[in-house]
Amino acid sequence: MTDTPALPSVHLDCWTKEYWTTTTRYYVAEIMQDLWGTWVLRRSWGGLDSHRGSSKIIAAKDYDHALKLLEEVAKQRKARHYTRIP
């Protein structure tokens, strides 16, 4: 009998997404887990009137670290005069 590797623990209830906009731009930050259960912060941005944009994924040490990364993004968005969309 072979040992099967343990599946990663997925916590969908902890995933979160935040949105910000200006008159011409959007920004989205999401805390989620990847296929291996690692917490990541995915940032996406672009123009509201164009199909141009990009995204970046940053691995976090744990869920608390991902929350701190999200707080930093929120501070940056506020400093750049983005409005948070509830």
PDB file of N, CA and C in Angstrom:
ATOM      1  N   MET A   1       0.838  -1.170   0.000  1.00  0.00           N
ATOM      2  CA  MET A   1       0.000   0.000   0.000  1.00  0.00           C
ATOM      3  C   MET A   1       0.894   1.247   0.000  1.00  0.00           C
ATOM      4  N   THR A   2       0.593   2.182  -0.882  1.00  0.00           N
ATOM      5  CA  THR A   2       1.406   3.396  -0.967  1.00  0.00           C
ATOM      6  C   THR A   2       0.750   4.515  -0.184  1.00  0.00           C
ATOM      7  N   ASP A   3       1.580   5.384   0.344  1.00  0.00           N
ATOM      8  CA  ASP A   3       1.076   6.555   1.057  1.00  0.00           C
ATOM      9  C   ASP A   3       0.741   7.634   0.044  1.00  0.00           C
ATOM     10  N   THR A   4      -0.439   8.196   0.171  1.00  0.00           N
ATOM     11  CA  THR A   4      -0.819   9.308  -0.697  1.00  0.00           C
ATOM     12  C   THR A   4      -0.555  10.603   0.048  1.00  0.00           C
ATOM     13  N   PRO A   5      -0.074  11.594  -0.660  1.00  0.00           N
ATOM     14  CA  PRO A   5       0.189  12.865   0.013  1.00  0.00           C
ATOM     15  C   PRO A   5      -1.103  13.509   0.496  1.00  0.00           C
ATOM     16  N   ALA A   6      -1.007  14.208   1.605  1.00  0.00           N
ATOM     17  CA  ALA A   6      -2.175  14.895   2.166  1.00  0.00           C
ATOM     18  C   ALA A   6      -2.577  16.056   1.258  1.00  0.00           C
ATOM     19  N   LEU A   7      -3.857  16.234   1.083  1.00  0.00           N
ATOM     20  CA  LEU A   7      -4.356  17.348   0.296  1.00  0.00           C
ATOM     21  C   LEU A   7      -4.234  18.634   1.109  1.00  0.00           C
ATOM     22  N   PRO A   8      -3.971  19.751   0.438  1.00  0.00           N
ATOM     23  CA  PRO A   8      -3.867  21.018   1.182  1.00  0.00           C
ATOM     24  C   PRO A   8      -5.221  21.409   1.762  1.00  0.00           C
ATOM     25  N   SER A   9      -5.170  22.093   2.873  1.00  0.00           N
ATOM     26  CA  SER A   9      -6.378  22.584   3.516  1.00  0.00           C
ATOM     27  C   SER A   9      -6.800  23.883   2.835  1.00  0.00           C
ATOM     28  N   VAL A  10      -8.023  23.919   2.326  1.00  0.00           N
ATOM     29  CA  VAL A  10      -8.531  25.097   1.625  1.00  0.00           C
ATOM     30  C   VAL A  10      -9.567  25.781   2.514  1.00  0.00           C
ATOM     31  N   HIS A  11      -9.402  27.083   2.698  1.00  0.00           N
ATOM     32  CA  HIS A  11     -10.293  27.867   3.558  1.00  0.00           C
ATOM     33  C   HIS A  11     -10.990  28.938   2.725  1.00  0.00           C
ATOM     34  N   LEU A  12     -12.023  28.543   1.989  1.00  0.00           N
ATOM     35  CA  LEU A  12     -12.733  29.488   1.118  1.00  0.00           C
ATOM     36  C   LEU A  12     -13.365  30.636   1.895  1.00  0.00           C
ATOM     37  N   ASP A  13     -13.735  30.406   3.139  1.00  0.00           N
ATOM     38  CA  ASP A  13     -14.373  31.458   3.927  1.00  0.00           C
ATOM     39  C   ASP A  13     -13.414  32.595   4.262  1.00  0.00           C
ATOM     40  N   CYS A  14     -12.112  32.389   4.117  1.00  0.00           N
ATOM     41  CA  CYS A  14     -11.118  33.430   4.404  1.00  0.00           C
ATOM     42  C   CYS A  14     -10.708  34.214   3.156  1.00  0.00           C
ATOM     43  N   TRP A  15     -11.095  33.737   1.992  1.00  0.00           N
ATOM     44  CA  TRP A  15     -10.737  34.445   0.761  1.00  0.00           C
ATOM     45  C   TRP A  15     -11.449  35.797   0.755  1.00  0.00           C
ATOM     46  N   THR A  16     -10.791  36.808   0.248  1.00  0.00           N
ATOM     47  CA  THR A  16     -11.392  38.139   0.209  1.00  0.00           C
ATOM     48  C   THR A  16     -10.950  38.888  -1.038  1.00  0.00           C
ATOM     49  N   LYS A  17     -11.768  39.850  -1.450  1.00  0.00           N
ATOM     50  CA  LYS A  17     -11.473  40.638  -2.647  1.00  0.00           C
ATOM     51  C   LYS A  17     -11.874  42.078  -2.378  1.00  0.00           C
ATOM     52  N   GLU A  18     -10.999  43.012  -2.763  1.00  0.00           N
ATOM     53  CA  GLU A  18     -11.290  44.434  -2.607  1.00  0.00           C
ATOM     54  C   GLU A  18     -11.087  45.138  -3.938  1.00  0.00           C
ATOM     55  N   TYR A  19     -11.931  46.169  -4.189  1.00  0.00           N
ATOM     56  CA  TYR A  19     -11.912  46.926  -5.440  1.00  0.00           C
ATOM     57  C   TYR A  19     -11.676  48.404  -5.162  1.00  0.00           C
ATOM     58  N   TRP A  20     -10.947  49.066  -6.052  1.00  0.00           N
ATOM     59  CA  TRP A  20     -10.748  50.514  -6.002  1.00  0.00           C
ATOM     60  C   TRP A  20     -10.848  51.052  -7.428  1.00  0.00           C
ATOM     61  N   THR A  21     -11.281  52.293  -7.570  1.00  0.00           N
ATOM     62  CA  THR A  21     -11.337  52.917  -8.883  1.00  0.00           C
ATOM     63  C   THR A  21     -10.976  54.399  -8.783  1.00  0.00           C
ATOM     64  N   THR A  22     -10.566  54.929  -9.920  1.00  0.00           N
ATOM     65  CA  THR A  22     -10.501  56.376 -10.128  1.00  0.00           C
ATOM     66  C   THR A  22     -11.456  56.629 -11.290  1.00  0.00           C
ATOM     67  N   THR A  23     -11.403  57.805 -11.863  1.00  0.00           N
ATOM     68  CA  THR A  23     -12.290  58.085 -12.990  1.00  0.00           C
ATOM     69  C   THR A  23     -11.895  57.288 -14.234  1.00  0.00           C
ATOM     70  N   THR A  24     -10.649  56.848 -14.313  1.00  0.00           N
ATOM     71  CA  THR A  24     -10.198  56.147 -15.518  1.00  0.00           C
ATOM     72  C   THR A  24      -9.546  54.786 -15.265  1.00  0.00           C
ATOM     73  N   ARG A  25      -9.282  54.443 -13.991  1.00  0.00           N
ATOM     74  CA  ARG A  25      -8.529  53.226 -13.688  1.00  0.00           C
ATOM     75  C   ARG A  25      -9.264  52.354 -12.675  1.00  0.00           C
ATOM     76  N   TYR A  26      -8.915  51.062 -12.640  1.00  0.00           N
ATOM     77  CA  TYR A  26      -9.416  50.148 -11.613  1.00  0.00           C
ATOM     78  C   TYR A  26      -8.254  49.388 -10.999  1.00  0.00           C
ATOM     79  N   TYR A  27      -8.481  48.869  -9.800  1.00  0.00           N
ATOM     80  CA  TYR A  27      -7.482  48.084  -9.094  1.00  0.00           C
ATOM     81  C   TYR A  27      -8.224  47.064  -8.251  1.00  0.00           C
ATOM     82  N   VAL A  28      -7.788  45.816  -8.287  1.00  0.00           N
ATOM     83  CA  VAL A  28      -8.405  44.740  -7.515  1.00  0.00           C
ATOM     84  C   VAL A  28      -7.304  44.005  -6.767  1.00  0.00           C
ATOM     85  N   ALA A  29      -7.541  43.701  -5.494  1.00  0.00           N
ATOM     86  CA  ALA A  29      -6.610  42.901  -4.700  1.00  0.00           C
ATOM     87  C   ALA A  29      -7.398  41.759  -4.068  1.00  0.00           C
ATOM     88  N   GLU A  30      -6.867  40.537  -4.201  1.00  0.00           N
ATOM     89  CA  GLU A  30      -7.555  39.359  -3.693  1.00  0.00           C
ATOM     90  C   GLU A  30      -6.608  38.520  -2.849  1.00  0.00           C
ATOM     91  N   ILE A  31      -7.102  38.070  -1.711  1.00  0.00           N
ATOM     92  CA  ILE A  31      -6.381  37.067  -0.923  1.00  0.00           C
ATOM     93  C   ILE A  31      -7.045  35.739  -1.229  1.00  0.00           C
ATOM     94  N   MET A  32      -6.235  34.768  -1.633  1.00  0.00           N
ATOM     95  CA  MET A  32      -6.750  33.443  -1.978  1.00  0.00           C
ATOM     96  C   MET A  32      -5.658  32.408  -1.759  1.00  0.00           C
ATOM     97  N   GLN A  33      -5.983  31.160  -1.982  1.00  0.00           N
ATOM     98  CA  GLN A  33      -4.995  30.095  -1.903  1.00  0.00           C
ATOM     99  C   GLN A  33      -4.759  29.527  -3.293  1.00  0.00           C
ATOM    100  N   ASP A  34      -3.517  29.119  -3.546  1.00  0.00           N
ATOM    101  CA  ASP A  34      -3.219  28.485  -4.817  1.00  0.00           C
ATOM    102  C   ASP A  34      -3.515  26.979  -4.716  1.00  0.00           C
ATOM    103  N   LEU A  35      -3.165  26.221  -5.725  1.00  0.00           N
ATOM    104  CA  LEU A  35      -3.468  24.788  -5.757  1.00  0.00           C
ATOM    105  C   LEU A  35      -2.791  23.995  -4.647  1.00  0.00           C
ATOM    106  N   TRP A  36      -1.731  24.520  -4.085  1.00  0.00           N
ATOM    107  CA  TRP A  36      -0.985  23.822  -3.044  1.00  0.00           C
ATOM    108  C   TRP A  36      -1.354  24.313  -1.654  1.00  0.00           C
ATOM    109  N   GLY A  37      -2.347  25.205  -1.552  1.00  0.00           N
ATOM    110  CA  GLY A  37      -2.797  25.702  -0.269  1.00  0.00           C
ATOM    111  C   GLY A  37      -2.028  26.907   0.239  1.00  0.00           C
ATOM    112  N   THR A  38      -1.079  27.419  -0.546  1.00  0.00           N
ATOM    113  CA  THR A  38      -0.300  28.593  -0.151  1.00  0.00           C
ATOM    114  C   THR A  38      -1.163  29.841  -0.280  1.00  0.00           C
ATOM    115  N   TRP A  39      -1.101  30.710   0.726  1.00  0.00           N
ATOM    116  CA  TRP A  39      -1.831  31.971   0.662  1.00  0.00           C
ATOM    117  C   TRP A  39      -1.111  32.926  -0.274  1.00  0.00           C
ATOM    118  N   VAL A  40      -1.859  33.572  -1.146  1.00  0.00           N
ATOM    119  CA  VAL A  40      -1.293  34.515  -2.110  1.00  0.00           C
ATOM    120  C   VAL A  40      -2.138  35.786  -2.162  1.00  0.00           C
ATOM    121  N   LEU A  41      -1.490  36.867  -2.576  1.00  0.00           N
ATOM    122  CA  LEU A  41      -2.181  38.125  -2.862  1.00  0.00           C
ATOM    123  C   LEU A  41      -2.090  38.344  -4.355  1.00  0.00           C
ATOM    124  N   ARG A  42      -3.241  38.387  -5.010  1.00  0.00           N
ATOM    125  CA  ARG A  42      -3.285  38.649  -6.446  1.00  0.00           C
ATOM    126  C   ARG A  42      -3.755  40.078  -6.648  1.00  0.00           C
ATOM    127  N   ARG A  43      -2.944  40.869  -7.381  1.00  0.00           N
ATOM    128  CA  ARG A  43      -3.279  42.256  -7.686  1.00  0.00           C
ATOM    129  C   ARG A  43      -3.518  42.382  -9.179  1.00  0.00           C
ATOM    130  N   SER A  44      -4.617  43.025  -9.543  1.00  0.00           N
ATOM    131  CA  SER A  44      -4.953  43.252 -10.956  1.00  0.00           C
ATOM    132  C   SER A  44      -5.293  44.722 -11.128  1.00  0.00           C
ATOM    133  N   TRP A  45      -4.921  45.300 -12.276  1.00  0.00           N
ATOM    134  CA  TRP A  45      -5.176  46.714 -12.519  1.00  0.00           C
ATOM    135  C   TRP A  45      -5.289  46.978 -14.003  1.00  0.00           C
ATOM    136  N   GLY A  46      -5.862  48.125 -14.341  1.00  0.00           N
ATOM    137  CA  GLY A  46      -5.978  48.503 -15.740  1.00  0.00           C
ATOM    138  C   GLY A  46      -6.852  49.720 -15.928  1.00  0.00           C
ATOM    139  N   GLY A  47      -7.142  50.012 -17.188  1.00  0.00           N
ATOM    140  CA  GLY A  47      -7.974  51.147 -17.542  1.00  0.00           C
ATOM    141  C   GLY A  47      -9.431  50.747 -17.658  1.00  0.00           C
ATOM    142  N   LEU A  48     -10.312  51.623 -17.234  1.00  0.00           N
ATOM    143  CA  LEU A  48     -11.743  51.334 -17.319  1.00  0.00           C
ATOM    144  C   LEU A  48     -12.248  51.349 -18.757  1.00  0.00           C
ATOM    145  N   ASP A  49     -11.640  52.153 -19.613  1.00  0.00           N
ATOM    146  CA  ASP A  49     -12.108  52.297 -20.987  1.00  0.00           C
ATOM    147  C   ASP A  49     -11.294  51.491 -21.990  1.00  0.00           C
ATOM    148  N   SER A  50     -10.409  50.635 -21.505  1.00  0.00           N
ATOM    149  CA  SER A  50      -9.588  49.854 -22.430  1.00  0.00           C
ATOM    150  C   SER A  50      -9.519  48.402 -21.957  1.00  0.00           C
ATOM    151  N   HIS A  51      -9.000  47.571 -22.802  1.00  0.00           N
ATOM    152  CA  HIS A  51      -8.812  46.163 -22.462  1.00  0.00           C
ATOM    153  C   HIS A  51      -7.404  45.909 -21.941  1.00  0.00           C
ATOM    154  N   ARG A  52      -6.682  46.968 -21.684  1.00  0.00           N
ATOM    155  CA  ARG A  52      -5.314  46.834 -21.205  1.00  0.00           C
ATOM    156  C   ARG A  52      -5.304  46.710 -19.688  1.00  0.00           C
ATOM    157  N   GLY A  53      -4.408  45.916 -19.193  1.00  0.00           N
ATOM    158  CA  GLY A  53      -4.266  45.734 -17.762  1.00  0.00           C
ATOM    159  C   GLY A  53      -3.237  44.661 -17.488  1.00  0.00           C
ATOM    160  N   SER A  54      -3.023  44.392 -16.239  1.00  0.00           N
ATOM    161  CA  SER A  54      -2.041  43.393 -15.867  1.00  0.00           C
ATOM    162  C   SER A  54      -2.376  42.864 -14.484  1.00  0.00           C
ATOM    163  N   SER A  55      -1.632  41.863 -14.054  1.00  0.00           N
ATOM    164  CA  SER A  55      -1.811  41.331 -12.706  1.00  0.00           C
ATOM    165  C   SER A  55      -0.493  40.771 -12.204  1.00  0.00           C
ATOM    166  N   LYS A  56      -0.444  40.603 -10.897  1.00  0.00           N
ATOM    167  CA  LYS A  56       0.749  40.084 -10.257  1.00  0.00           C
ATOM    168  C   LYS A  56       0.310  39.266  -9.047  1.00  0.00           C
ATOM    169  N   ILE A  57       0.964  38.140  -8.826  1.00  0.00           N
ATOM    170  CA  ILE A  57       0.651  37.285  -7.686  1.00  0.00           C
ATOM    171  C   ILE A  57       1.864  37.232  -6.771  1.00  0.00           C
ATOM    172  N   ILE A  58       1.624  37.482  -5.480  1.00  0.00           N
ATOM    173  CA  ILE A  58       2.691  37.469  -4.485  1.00  0.00           C
ATOM    174  C   ILE A  58       2.359  36.396  -3.452  1.00  0.00           C
ATOM    175  N   ALA A  59       3.285  35.466  -3.213  1.00  0.00           N
ATOM    176  CA  ALA A  59       3.094  34.425  -2.199  1.00  0.00           C
ATOM    177  C   ALA A  59       3.292  35.032  -0.815  1.00  0.00           C
ATOM    178  N   ALA A  60       2.430  34.660   0.101  1.00  0.00           N
ATOM    179  CA  ALA A  60       2.521  35.121   1.492  1.00  0.00           C
ATOM    180  C   ALA A  60       2.997  33.966   2.372  1.00  0.00           C
ATOM    181  N   LYS A  61       3.576  34.307   3.507  1.00  0.00           N
ATOM    182  CA  LYS A  61       4.061  33.283   4.446  1.00  0.00           C
ATOM    183  C   LYS A  61       2.897  32.512   5.057  1.00  0.00           C
ATOM    184  N   ASP A  62       1.818  33.244   5.365  1.00  0.00           N
ATOM    185  CA  ASP A  62       0.622  32.657   5.959  1.00  0.00           C
ATOM    186  C   ASP A  62      -0.536  33.637   5.752  1.00  0.00           C
ATOM    187  N   TYR A  63      -1.689  33.308   6.303  1.00  0.00           N
ATOM    188  CA  TYR A  63      -2.869  34.153   6.107  1.00  0.00           C
ATOM    189  C   TYR A  63      -2.674  35.548   6.704  1.00  0.00           C
ATOM    190  N   ASP A  64      -2.083  35.629   7.893  1.00  0.00           N
ATOM    191  CA  ASP A  64      -1.857  36.931   8.522  1.00  0.00           C
ATOM    192  C   ASP A  64      -0.933  37.808   7.680  1.00  0.00           C
ATOM    193  N   HIS A  65       0.074  37.208   7.090  1.00  0.00           N
ATOM    194  CA  HIS A  65       0.982  37.952   6.211  1.00  0.00           C
ATOM    195  C   HIS A  65       0.222  38.465   4.984  1.00  0.00           C
ATOM    196  N   ALA A  66      -0.665  37.650   4.434  1.00  0.00           N
ATOM    197  CA  ALA A  66      -1.473  38.075   3.285  1.00  0.00           C
ATOM    198  C   ALA A  66      -2.352  39.270   3.656  1.00  0.00           C
ATOM    199  N   LEU A  67      -2.914  39.260   4.871  1.00  0.00           N
ATOM    200  CA  LEU A  67      -3.724  40.397   5.321  1.00  0.00           C
ATOM    201  C   LEU A  67      -2.886  41.665   5.431  1.00  0.00           C
ATOM    202  N   LYS A  68      -1.655  41.541   5.913  1.00  0.00           N
ATOM    203  CA  LYS A  68      -0.765  42.704   6.010  1.00  0.00           C
ATOM    204  C   LYS A  68      -0.427  43.240   4.621  1.00  0.00           C
ATOM    205  N   LEU A  69      -0.212  42.344   3.662  1.00  0.00           N
ATOM    206  CA  LEU A  69       0.050  42.776   2.286  1.00  0.00           C
ATOM    207  C   LEU A  69      -1.156  43.529   1.725  1.00  0.00           C
ATOM    208  N   LEU A  70      -2.352  43.034   2.010  1.00  0.00           N
ATOM    209  CA  LEU A  70      -3.578  43.702   1.551  1.00  0.00           C
ATOM    210  C   LEU A  70      -3.720  45.084   2.184  1.00  0.00           C
ATOM    211  N   GLU A  71      -3.371  45.209   3.461  1.00  0.00           N
ATOM    212  CA  GLU A  71      -3.415  46.515   4.125  1.00  0.00           C
ATOM    213  C   GLU A  71      -2.468  47.500   3.449  1.00  0.00           C
ATOM    214  N   GLU A  72      -1.291  47.042   3.053  1.00  0.00           N
ATOM    215  CA  GLU A  72      -0.327  47.901   2.360  1.00  0.00           C
ATOM    216  C   GLU A  72      -0.889  48.367   1.011  1.00  0.00           C
ATOM    217  N   VAL A  73      -1.538  47.460   0.310  1.00  0.00           N
ATOM    218  CA  VAL A  73      -2.155  47.827  -0.972  1.00  0.00           C
ATOM    219  C   VAL A  73      -3.225  48.888  -0.737  1.00  0.00           C
ATOM    220  N   ALA A  74      -4.040  48.708   0.291  1.00  0.00           N
ATOM    221  CA  ALA A  74      -5.102  49.682   0.596  1.00  0.00           C
ATOM    222  C   ALA A  74      -4.514  51.059   0.892  1.00  0.00           C
ATOM    223  N   LYS A  75      -3.417  51.102   1.638  1.00  0.00           N
ATOM    224  CA  LYS A  75      -2.759  52.385   1.924  1.00  0.00           C
ATOM    225  C   LYS A  75      -2.249  53.041   0.646  1.00  0.00           C
ATOM    226  N   GLN A  76      -1.656  52.235  -0.242  1.00  0.00           N
ATOM    227  CA  GLN A  76      -1.151  52.769  -1.507  1.00  0.00           C
ATOM    228  C   GLN A  76      -2.285  53.306  -2.369  1.00  0.00           C
ATOM    229  N   ARG A  77      -3.387  52.590  -2.441  1.00  0.00           N
ATOM    230  CA  ARG A  77      -4.524  53.032  -3.241  1.00  0.00           C
ATOM    231  C   ARG A  77      -5.082  54.340  -2.687  1.00  0.00           C
ATOM    232  N   LYS A  78      -5.188  54.454  -1.366  1.00  0.00           N
ATOM    233  CA  LYS A  78      -5.689  55.683  -0.755  1.00  0.00           C
ATOM    234  C   LYS A  78      -4.750  56.850  -1.059  1.00  0.00           C
ATOM    235  N   ALA A  79      -3.442  56.616  -0.985  1.00  0.00           N
ATOM    236  CA  ALA A  79      -2.468  57.665  -1.271  1.00  0.00           C
ATOM    237  C   ALA A  79      -2.550  58.123  -2.710  1.00  0.00           C
ATOM    238  N   ARG A  80      -2.980  57.244  -3.604  1.00  0.00           N
ATOM    239  CA  ARG A  80      -3.093  57.591  -5.021  1.00  0.00           C
ATOM    240  C   ARG A  80      -4.500  58.033  -5.398  1.00  0.00           C
ATOM    241  N   HIS A  81      -5.316  58.315  -4.395  1.00  0.00           N
ATOM    242  CA  HIS A  81      -6.666  58.883  -4.566  1.00  0.00           C
ATOM    243  C   HIS A  81      -7.646  57.934  -5.256  1.00  0.00           C
ATOM    244  N   TYR A  82      -7.483  56.643  -5.042  1.00  0.00           N
ATOM    245  CA  TYR A  82      -8.473  55.679  -5.515  1.00  0.00           C
ATOM    246  C   TYR A  82      -9.610  55.637  -4.511  1.00  0.00           C
ATOM    247  N   THR A  83     -10.805  55.323  -4.980  1.00  0.00           N
ATOM    248  CA  THR A  83     -11.984  55.181  -4.116  1.00  0.00           C
ATOM    249  C   THR A  83     -12.269  53.705  -3.968  1.00  0.00           C
ATOM    250  N   ARG A  84     -12.425  53.263  -2.718  1.00  0.00           N
ATOM    251  CA  ARG A  84     -12.743  51.844  -2.465  1.00  0.00           C
ATOM    252  C   ARG A  84     -14.217  51.598  -2.777  1.00  0.00           C
ATOM    253  N   ILE A  85     -14.474  50.522  -3.487  1.00  0.00           N
ATOM    254  CA  ILE A  85     -15.832  50.111  -3.830  1.00  0.00           C
ATOM    255  C   ILE A  85     -16.238  49.013  -2.862  1.00  0.00           C
ATOM    256  N   PRO A  86     -17.328  49.213  -2.076  1.00  0.00           N
ATOM    257  CA  PRO A  86     -17.734  48.184  -1.092  1.00  0.00           C
ATOM    258  C   PRO A  86     -18.288  46.947  -1.756  1.00  0.00           C
TER     259      PRO A  86
END
